[in-house]
């Protein structure tokens, strides 16, 4: 068993965020979206691409691919997490998804226009690897930290993630902006090399938490049955508990709606900036780096405020800021406006993710052994939110031909999430749950 609040264990766990956040920054936020948009925009076809015989808007195709990846994982992860709790092998699942995601990123080294179909598949597999790894990593939080430290530990994980991803991004930044320093003449080589480095970084630094974190304790009286029967049985048991926990259930519903907005903005912002403002790879990378650096104090600030005024009150304030960002984003017409918006988003991005994770962890039953199964409901809530958010974003752009309408539509998700958080605060007080 893990000793809670052990500094070495917490630091090792945080290094998983260090490892996989490189994917989140380079592949979903900066170099891949810029490279993808550039090579799939041609004189002959504009921003239209052919994918297995069907024609799509390039940015819509990538958003559809991400939606598909998240949808698949939303169905698969609850069963796998329940199996992991029963069999005591959640680190094995964590390794599997890490190696799958890292290998897919390495495969993106071969991404050119004539390999679009295979590259989109690898893009989706990389997303699946990231999603799966994060779920099993999150489930360790209530096991490595006591309740009063979970906000801080969660923020520490996100901070490690931001720092690690920025370091790799800077390395990739040199190849992309100064290829002549390295004798590179192929313009596609630096971004493709970046995808390769992400895979190696992801797999390499994941060995730190893999060496320290335990695999889990098997429930010996339950591991001799069919593995899938194990999964469904464990899942139904945890779901029965969730249904009886009004505050926990209320948080999941509110999280579902505001997460639709947060996650979609994070995944689609780079494509929006490249398409509407023509920032170019260099400026886009610089902006995202600023966001990542601002997000570190943002996560720490939210943790501090949560101690002073409570988690739910802080989440309400942050969601209000997100609504303002959506409205402001609709009217953006130049790069300087985008820079100011990026600074605000960076400050609240890390905070809302970190605080949401620790808030959910605090709502879990004390001393529960089913942490992975409980976190699968949190993770599925987020993944379904991403599926609907990304699909809505892509569909509105396809329907209207204007990506700005997709941005403003996200504000409605935040508004619903805000109302539900206010209801949750009221129910929380009634239940005498103090966060």
Protein backbone atom coordinates (compact mmCIF):
# COMPACT_ATOMS: atom_id res chain seq x y z
CA UNK A 1 0.00 0.00 0.00
CA UNK A 2 1.11 3.57 -0.70
CA UNK A 3 1.85 5.81 2.27
CA UNK A 4 -0.20 8.97 1.81
CA UNK A 5 1.51 12.37 1.52
CA UNK A 6 4.88 10.77 0.79
CA UNK A 7 6.91 13.36 -1.12
CA UNK A 8 8.73 10.85 -3.33
CA UNK A 9 5.51 9.14 -4.34
CA UNK A 10 3.74 12.41 -5.09
CA UNK A 11 6.70 13.70 -7.09
CA UNK A 12 6.89 10.46 -9.09
CA UNK A 13 3.13 10.56 -9.75
CA UNK A 14 3.43 14.19 -10.90
CA UNK A 15 6.05 13.12 -13.45
CA UNK A 16 3.32 11.28 -15.35
CA UNK A 17 1.79 14.69 -16.07
CA UNK A 18 5.29 15.86 -17.04
CA UNK A 19 5.51 12.97 -19.51
CA UNK A 20 2.11 13.01 -21.17
CA UNK A 21 1.49 16.76 -21.24
CA UNK A 22 4.01 17.01 -24.08
CA UNK A 23 1.39 15.24 -26.21
CA UNK A 24 -1.29 17.67 -25.07
CA UNK A 25 0.82 20.69 -25.99
CA UNK A 26 2.60 19.66 -29.19
CA UNK A 27 -0.01 17.36 -30.74
CA UNK A 28 -3.32 18.93 -29.72
CA UNK A 29 -2.39 22.56 -29.20
CA UNK A 30 0.54 23.83 -31.28
CA UNK A 31 2.74 22.16 -33.87
CA UNK A 32 0.41 19.41 -35.09
CA UNK A 33 -2.65 21.68 -35.63
CA UNK A 34 -0.54 24.28 -37.44
CA UNK A 35 1.27 21.67 -39.57
CA UNK A 36 -1.97 19.81 -40.28
CA UNK A 37 -3.82 22.97 -41.36
CA UNK A 38 -0.96 24.08 -43.61
CA UNK A 39 -0.40 20.80 -45.47
CA UNK A 40 -4.12 20.08 -45.88
CA UNK A 41 -4.82 23.51 -47.41
CA UNK A 42 -4.08 23.39 -51.13
CA UNK A 43 -4.61 25.63 -54.16
CA UNK A 44 -6.71 22.97 -55.86
CA UNK A 45 -9.07 22.12 -53.00
CA UNK A 46 -8.72 24.95 -50.46
CA UNK A 47 -9.39 23.63 -46.94
CA UNK A 48 -11.20 20.50 -48.19
CA UNK A 49 -9.59 17.07 -47.83
CA UNK A 50 -10.49 13.57 -48.99
CA UNK A 51 -10.68 10.92 -46.29
CA UNK A 52 -11.45 7.40 -47.49
CA UNK A 53 -13.58 8.78 -50.33
CA UNK A 54 -15.44 11.42 -48.34
CA UNK A 55 -14.76 15.17 -48.41
CA UNK A 56 -14.36 17.14 -45.19
CA UNK A 57 -13.25 20.60 -44.10
CA UNK A 58 -9.74 19.95 -42.80
CA UNK A 59 -10.28 21.25 -39.25
CA UNK A 60 -13.64 19.48 -39.04
CA UNK A 61 -11.99 16.17 -39.95
CA UNK A 62 -9.43 16.44 -37.16
CA UNK A 63 -12.16 17.41 -34.68
CA UNK A 64 -14.30 14.48 -35.81
CA UNK A 65 -11.31 12.16 -35.35
CA UNK A 66 -10.79 13.41 -31.79
CA UNK A 67 -14.52 13.06 -31.10
CA UNK A 68 -14.41 9.44 -32.28
CA UNK A 69 -11.37 8.71 -30.08
CA UNK A 70 -13.03 10.17 -27.00
CA UNK A 71 -16.31 8.37 -27.73
CA UNK A 72 -14.60 4.98 -28.00
CA UNK A 73 -12.72 5.57 -24.76
CA UNK A 74 -15.88 6.72 -22.99
CA UNK A 75 -17.36 3.27 -23.60
CA UNK A 76 -14.20 1.23 -22.98
CA UNK A 77 -12.66 2.87 -19.91
CA UNK A 78 -15.42 2.18 -17.34
CA UNK A 79 -15.08 -1.55 -18.00
CA UNK A 80 -11.28 -1.50 -17.96
CA UNK A 81 -11.18 0.57 -14.79
CA UNK A 82 -13.53 -1.82 -13.03
CA UNK A 83 -11.38 -4.76 -14.12
CA UNK A 84 -8.29 -2.92 -12.85
CA UNK A 85 -9.88 -2.42 -9.42
CA UNK A 86 -10.81 -6.07 -9.14
CA UNK A 87 -7.61 -7.50 -10.58
CA UNK A 88 -5.28 -4.96 -8.97
CA UNK A 89 -3.49 -4.18 -12.23
CA UNK A 90 -4.23 -0.54 -12.97
CA UNK A 91 -0.56 0.31 -13.54
CA UNK A 92 -0.50 -2.34 -16.28
CA UNK A 93 -3.37 -0.55 -18.04
CA UNK A 94 -1.61 2.76 -17.47
CA UNK A 95 1.48 1.36 -19.20
CA UNK A 96 -0.51 -0.06 -22.11
CA UNK A 97 -2.16 3.24 -22.96
CA UNK A 98 1.10 5.14 -22.51
CA UNK A 99 2.98 2.90 -24.92
CA UNK A 100 0.11 2.97 -27.42
CA UNK A 101 -0.08 6.76 -27.35
CA UNK A 102 3.68 7.21 -27.50
CA UNK A 103 4.05 4.78 -30.40
CA UNK A 104 1.26 6.56 -32.33
CA UNK A 105 3.08 9.89 -31.91
CA UNK A 106 6.28 8.30 -33.19
CA UNK A 107 4.30 7.04 -36.20
CA UNK A 108 3.20 10.61 -36.98
CA UNK A 109 6.80 11.25 -38.03
CA UNK A 110 5.67 9.87 -41.41
CA UNK A 111 2.71 12.28 -41.71
CA UNK A 112 2.51 13.94 -45.13
CA UNK A 113 -0.49 14.76 -47.32
CA UNK A 114 -0.26 11.43 -49.13
CA UNK A 115 -0.45 9.54 -45.82
CA UNK A 116 -3.44 11.52 -44.50
CA UNK A 117 -5.70 8.54 -43.78
CA UNK A 118 -3.12 6.59 -41.78
CA UNK A 119 -1.98 9.75 -40.00
CA UNK A 120 -5.52 10.61 -38.88
CA UNK A 121 -5.84 7.08 -37.49
CA UNK A 122 -2.55 7.50 -35.59
CA UNK A 123 -3.76 10.91 -34.40
CA UNK A 124 -6.86 9.22 -32.94
CA UNK A 125 -4.81 6.39 -31.37
CA UNK A 126 -2.50 8.93 -29.72
CA UNK A 127 -5.55 10.62 -28.22
CA UNK A 128 -6.83 7.26 -26.94
CA UNK A 129 -3.47 6.57 -25.33
CA UNK A 130 -3.48 9.93 -23.61
CA UNK A 131 -7.07 9.54 -22.40
CA UNK A 132 -6.48 6.07 -20.98
CA UNK A 133 -3.26 6.99 -19.22
CA UNK A 134 -4.80 10.05 -17.58
CA UNK A 135 -7.72 8.07 -16.13
CA UNK A 136 -5.51 5.54 -14.38
CA UNK A 137 -3.13 8.28 -13.23
CA UNK A 138 -6.00 10.33 -11.77
CA UNK A 139 -7.24 7.35 -9.80
CA UNK A 140 -4.06 7.42 -7.70
CA UNK A 141 -4.82 10.90 -6.30
CA UNK A 142 -6.99 9.83 -3.31
CA UNK A 143 -4.49 7.03 -2.61
CA UNK A 144 -1.35 9.19 -2.45
CA UNK A 145 -2.75 12.28 -0.66
CA UNK A 146 -5.11 12.87 2.22
CA UNK A 147 -8.15 15.07 1.58
CA UNK A 148 -6.64 18.29 2.93
CA UNK A 149 -3.65 17.94 0.56
CA UNK A 150 -5.44 16.86 -2.61
CA UNK A 151 -5.93 20.37 -4.03
CA UNK A 152 -2.21 21.06 -3.65
CA UNK A 153 -1.11 17.68 -5.02
CA UNK A 154 -3.45 17.95 -7.99
CA UNK A 155 -2.06 21.42 -8.73
CA UNK A 156 1.47 20.05 -8.40
CA UNK A 157 0.71 17.44 -11.06
CA UNK A 158 -0.61 20.03 -13.49
CA UNK A 159 2.36 22.29 -12.77
CA UNK A 160 4.80 19.48 -13.57
CA UNK A 161 2.84 18.89 -16.76
CA UNK A 162 3.10 22.51 -17.84
CA UNK A 163 6.82 22.72 -17.08
CA UNK A 164 7.68 19.45 -18.81
CA UNK A 165 5.65 20.24 -21.91
CA UNK A 166 7.17 23.72 -22.19
CA UNK A 167 10.71 22.29 -22.05
CA UNK A 168 10.01 19.89 -24.91
CA UNK A 169 8.10 22.57 -26.80
CA UNK A 170 11.13 24.87 -26.64
CA UNK A 171 13.32 22.10 -28.06
CA UNK A 172 10.84 21.56 -30.90
CA UNK A 173 10.56 25.32 -31.27
CA UNK A 174 14.24 25.53 -32.26
CA UNK A 175 13.84 22.93 -35.01
CA UNK A 176 10.68 24.56 -36.37
CA UNK A 177 11.91 28.17 -36.34
CA UNK A 178 15.60 27.70 -37.06
CA UNK A 179 15.94 24.62 -39.27
CA UNK A 180 18.97 26.15 -40.98
CA UNK A 181 20.90 25.83 -37.70
CA UNK A 182 20.67 22.06 -38.09
CA UNK A 183 21.13 21.92 -41.86
CA UNK A 184 17.46 21.02 -42.43
CA UNK A 185 16.08 21.82 -45.89
CA UNK A 186 12.83 19.81 -45.81
CA UNK A 187 10.18 22.14 -44.33
CA UNK A 188 8.08 19.20 -43.17
CA UNK A 189 10.93 17.59 -41.22
CA UNK A 190 10.96 19.82 -38.07
CA UNK A 191 7.27 19.31 -37.20
CA UNK A 192 7.48 15.59 -37.98
CA UNK A 193 10.58 15.34 -35.80
CA UNK A 194 8.59 17.06 -33.04
CA UNK A 195 5.96 14.30 -33.18
CA UNK A 196 8.72 11.70 -32.86
CA UNK A 197 10.25 13.49 -29.87
CA UNK A 198 6.84 13.67 -28.15
CA UNK A 199 6.49 9.89 -28.35
CA UNK A 200 9.97 9.30 -26.96
CA UNK A 201 9.51 11.92 -24.20
CA UNK A 202 6.13 10.48 -23.23
CA UNK A 203 7.34 6.89 -22.96
CA UNK A 204 10.70 7.82 -21.44
CA UNK A 205 9.58 10.00 -18.52
CA UNK A 206 6.64 7.69 -17.74
CA UNK A 207 9.19 5.20 -16.44
CA UNK A 208 9.55 7.40 -13.31
CA UNK A 209 5.98 6.87 -12.03
CA UNK A 210 5.98 3.30 -13.35
CA UNK A 211 8.95 2.54 -11.10
CA UNK A 212 7.30 3.91 -7.93
CA UNK A 213 3.51 3.54 -8.13
CA UNK A 214 1.99 0.24 -7.06
CA UNK A 215 -0.17 -1.85 -9.37
CA UNK A 216 -3.15 -2.02 -7.05
CA UNK A 217 -4.47 -4.56 -4.56
CA UNK A 218 -6.51 -7.37 -6.14
CA UNK A 219 -9.80 -8.32 -4.55
CA UNK A 220 -8.81 -11.96 -4.18
CA UNK A 221 -12.33 -13.25 -3.67
CA UNK A 222 -13.42 -11.80 -7.02
CA UNK A 223 -10.63 -12.37 -9.52
CA UNK A 224 -11.47 -15.91 -10.56
CA UNK A 225 -14.59 -14.99 -12.52
CA UNK A 226 -14.75 -13.97 -16.17
CA UNK A 227 -12.74 -10.78 -16.72
CA UNK A 228 -15.56 -8.92 -18.50
CA UNK A 229 -18.10 -10.13 -15.96
CA UNK A 230 -15.72 -8.71 -13.34
CA UNK A 231 -15.77 -5.37 -15.09
CA UNK A 232 -19.52 -5.06 -15.45
CA UNK A 233 -20.14 -6.31 -11.92
CA UNK A 234 -17.70 -3.83 -10.38
CA UNK A 235 -19.04 -1.00 -12.52
CA UNK A 236 -22.65 -1.67 -11.51
CA UNK A 237 -21.63 -1.73 -7.85
CA UNK A 238 -19.92 1.65 -8.06
CA UNK A 239 -22.76 3.13 -10.14
CA UNK A 240 -25.22 2.09 -7.44
CA UNK A 241 -23.16 4.09 -4.95
CA UNK A 242 -22.89 7.10 -7.26
CA UNK A 243 -26.68 7.24 -7.68
CA UNK A 244 -27.09 7.52 -3.91
CA UNK A 245 -24.57 10.37 -3.58
CA UNK A 246 -26.51 13.51 -4.47
CA UNK A 247 -23.61 15.95 -4.19
CA UNK A 248 -21.18 13.78 -6.16
CA UNK A 249 -23.76 13.20 -8.86
CA UNK A 250 -24.57 16.91 -8.99
CA UNK A 251 -20.90 17.76 -9.44
CA UNK A 252 -20.56 15.28 -12.32
CA UNK A 253 -23.49 16.86 -14.16
CA UNK A 254 -22.18 20.40 -13.73
CA UNK A 255 -18.67 19.24 -14.68
CA UNK A 256 -20.11 17.67 -17.84
CA UNK A 257 -21.45 20.98 -19.11
CA UNK A 258 -18.62 23.34 -18.28
CA UNK A 259 -16.09 20.73 -19.41
CA UNK A 260 -17.72 20.76 -22.86
CA UNK A 261 -16.60 24.34 -23.17
CA UNK A 262 -13.18 24.08 -21.51
CA UNK A 263 -11.95 20.99 -23.33
CA UNK A 264 -13.28 22.04 -26.73
CA UNK A 265 -11.58 25.44 -26.50
CA UNK A 266 -8.30 23.80 -25.52
CA UNK A 267 -8.47 21.33 -28.41
CA UNK A 268 -9.78 23.67 -31.10
CA UNK A 269 -8.14 27.01 -30.27
CA UNK A 270 -5.02 26.43 -32.38
CA UNK A 271 -7.05 25.58 -35.48
CA UNK A 272 -9.22 28.65 -34.91
CA UNK A 273 -6.19 30.94 -34.60
CA UNK A 274 -4.47 29.55 -37.68
CA UNK A 275 -7.58 29.66 -39.83
CA UNK A 276 -9.03 33.05 -38.86
CA UNK A 277 -5.96 35.06 -37.87
CA UNK A 278 -3.22 33.37 -39.93
CA UNK A 279 -0.81 33.56 -37.02
CA UNK A 280 1.64 31.06 -38.42
CA UNK A 281 3.45 28.33 -36.54
CA UNK A 282 6.01 30.56 -34.81
CA UNK A 283 3.51 32.99 -33.28
CA UNK A 284 1.11 30.20 -32.40
CA UNK A 285 3.79 28.28 -30.54
CA UNK A 286 4.85 31.43 -28.68
CA UNK A 287 1.25 32.09 -27.61
CA UNK A 288 0.72 28.55 -26.38
CA UNK A 289 3.98 28.69 -24.45
CA UNK A 290 2.77 31.83 -22.70
CA UNK A 291 -0.50 30.06 -21.87
CA UNK A 292 1.38 27.12 -20.37
CA UNK A 293 3.61 29.33 -18.24
CA UNK A 294 0.70 31.43 -16.98
CA UNK A 295 -1.23 28.25 -16.19
CA UNK A 296 1.29 27.21 -13.53
CA UNK A 297 0.60 30.13 -11.14
CA UNK A 298 -3.05 29.86 -12.20
CA UNK A 299 -3.31 26.30 -10.85
CA UNK A 300 -1.56 27.31 -7.63
CA UNK A 301 -3.78 30.39 -7.26
CA UNK A 302 -6.96 28.32 -7.58
CA UNK A 303 -5.67 25.89 -4.97
CA UNK A 304 -4.99 28.80 -2.60
CA UNK A 305 -8.39 30.40 -3.20
CA UNK A 306 -10.13 27.07 -2.64
CA UNK A 307 -8.72 26.99 0.89
CA UNK A 308 -10.07 30.48 1.54
CA UNK A 309 -13.55 30.41 -0.01
CA UNK A 310 -14.20 26.78 -1.00
CA UNK A 311 -13.81 24.75 -4.19
CA UNK A 312 -17.28 25.32 -5.60
CA UNK A 313 -17.16 29.09 -5.12
CA UNK A 314 -13.85 29.23 -7.00
CA UNK A 315 -15.23 27.06 -9.81
CA UNK A 316 -18.24 29.39 -10.15
CA UNK A 317 -15.95 32.40 -10.48
CA UNK A 318 -13.75 30.69 -13.05
CA UNK A 319 -16.70 29.55 -15.19
CA UNK A 320 -17.94 33.16 -15.27
CA UNK A 321 -14.55 34.18 -16.68
CA UNK A 322 -14.77 31.42 -19.29
CA UNK A 323 -18.13 32.76 -20.48
CA UNK A 324 -16.55 36.19 -20.93
CA UNK A 325 -13.69 34.59 -22.90
CA UNK A 326 -16.14 32.97 -25.34
CA UNK A 327 -17.88 36.28 -26.02
CA UNK A 328 -14.56 38.07 -26.43
CA UNK A 329 -13.27 35.30 -28.73
CA UNK A 330 -16.17 35.81 -31.12
CA UNK A 331 -15.11 39.41 -31.78
CA UNK A 332 -11.35 38.85 -32.09
CA UNK A 333 -9.95 40.28 -35.33
CA UNK A 334 -6.19 40.61 -34.76
CA UNK A 335 -3.31 38.80 -33.13
CA UNK A 336 -2.95 41.22 -30.22
CA UNK A 337 -6.52 40.58 -29.11
CA UNK A 338 -5.76 36.86 -29.33
CA UNK A 339 -2.66 37.33 -27.15
CA UNK A 340 -4.70 39.06 -24.43
CA UNK A 341 -7.33 36.35 -24.56
CA UNK A 342 -4.62 33.67 -24.40
CA UNK A 343 -3.21 35.20 -21.21
CA UNK A 344 -6.62 35.06 -19.53
CA UNK A 345 -7.29 31.51 -20.74
CA UNK A 346 -3.89 30.40 -19.49
CA UNK A 347 -4.57 31.73 -16.01
CA UNK A 348 -7.87 29.88 -15.66
CA UNK A 349 -7.13 26.78 -17.73
CA UNK A 350 -4.87 25.00 -15.26
CA UNK A 351 -6.95 26.13 -12.31
CA UNK A 352 -10.24 24.72 -13.50
CA UNK A 353 -8.72 21.37 -14.47
CA UNK A 354 -6.72 20.96 -11.29
CA UNK A 355 -9.53 22.05 -8.99
CA UNK A 356 -12.13 19.90 -10.77
CA UNK A 357 -9.97 16.81 -10.29
CA UNK A 358 -9.34 17.42 -6.60
CA UNK A 359 -12.96 18.44 -5.93
CA UNK A 360 -14.22 15.16 -7.34
CA UNK A 361 -11.60 13.25 -5.34
CA UNK A 362 -12.86 14.87 -2.12
CA UNK A 363 -16.42 13.75 -2.84
CA UNK A 364 -15.43 10.07 -3.01
CA UNK A 365 -16.37 7.76 -0.12
CA UNK A 366 -13.72 7.68 2.59
CA UNK A 367 -11.28 4.76 2.27
CA UNK A 368 -12.90 3.41 -0.90
CA UNK A 369 -10.89 0.73 -2.68
CA UNK A 370 -12.63 1.38 -5.99
CA UNK A 371 -10.81 4.62 -6.84
CA UNK A 372 -10.23 3.65 -10.48
CA UNK A 373 -13.89 2.77 -11.02
CA UNK A 374 -15.03 6.00 -9.37
CA UNK A 375 -12.63 8.03 -11.46
CA UNK A 376 -13.86 6.27 -14.59
CA UNK A 377 -17.20 8.06 -14.10
CA UNK A 378 -15.34 11.35 -13.82
CA UNK A 379 -13.30 10.52 -16.90
CA UNK A 380 -16.28 9.33 -18.95
CA UNK A 381 -18.14 12.52 -18.02
CA UNK A 382 -15.24 14.55 -19.40
CA UNK A 383 -14.84 12.41 -22.52
CA UNK A 384 -18.53 12.53 -23.43
CA UNK A 385 -18.40 16.29 -22.89
CA UNK A 386 -15.46 16.49 -25.31
CA UNK A 387 -17.27 14.34 -27.88
CA UNK A 388 -20.35 16.57 -27.83
CA UNK A 389 -18.31 19.76 -27.63
CA UNK A 390 -15.97 18.90 -30.51
CA UNK A 391 -18.78 17.48 -32.64
CA UNK A 392 -20.86 20.61 -32.06
CA UNK A 393 -17.87 22.81 -32.85
CA UNK A 394 -17.15 20.93 -36.09
CA UNK A 395 -20.80 20.63 -37.13
CA UNK A 396 -21.55 24.34 -36.63
CA UNK A 397 -18.51 25.25 -38.72
CA UNK A 398 -19.57 22.81 -41.44
CA UNK A 399 -23.15 24.13 -41.35
CA UNK A 400 -22.40 27.86 -41.30
CA UNK A 401 -18.96 28.02 -42.89
CA UNK A 402 -17.90 30.33 -40.03
CA UNK A 403 -15.81 28.96 -37.18
CA UNK A 404 -16.68 32.02 -35.04
CA UNK A 405 -20.22 30.74 -34.55
CA UNK A 406 -18.72 27.59 -33.07
CA UNK A 407 -16.86 29.70 -30.51
CA UNK A 408 -19.91 31.63 -29.33
CA UNK A 409 -21.96 28.42 -29.09
CA UNK A 410 -19.59 27.17 -26.41
CA UNK A 411 -20.74 29.94 -24.09
CA UNK A 412 -24.11 28.17 -23.73
CA UNK A 413 -22.37 25.10 -22.28
CA UNK A 414 -20.62 27.25 -19.69
CA UNK A 415 -23.88 28.98 -18.76
CA UNK A 416 -25.61 25.66 -18.05
CA UNK A 417 -22.57 24.50 -16.05
CA UNK A 418 -22.65 27.74 -14.06
CA UNK A 419 -26.31 27.30 -13.11
CA UNK A 420 -25.68 23.70 -12.06
CA UNK A 421 -22.69 24.71 -9.93
CA UNK A 422 -24.90 27.19 -8.09
CA UNK A 423 -27.46 24.45 -7.46
CA UNK A 424 -24.63 22.19 -6.29
CA UNK A 425 -23.42 24.82 -3.83
CA UNK A 426 -26.91 24.94 -2.33
CA UNK A 427 -27.16 21.14 -2.09
CA UNK A 428 -23.63 20.94 -0.70
CA UNK A 429 -24.57 23.23 2.17
CA UNK A 430 -27.65 21.17 2.88
CA UNK A 431 -25.58 18.00 2.97
CA UNK A 432 -23.03 19.72 5.25
CA UNK A 433 -20.23 18.80 2.84
CA UNK A 434 -17.36 21.21 3.35
CA UNK A 435 -14.72 21.61 0.68
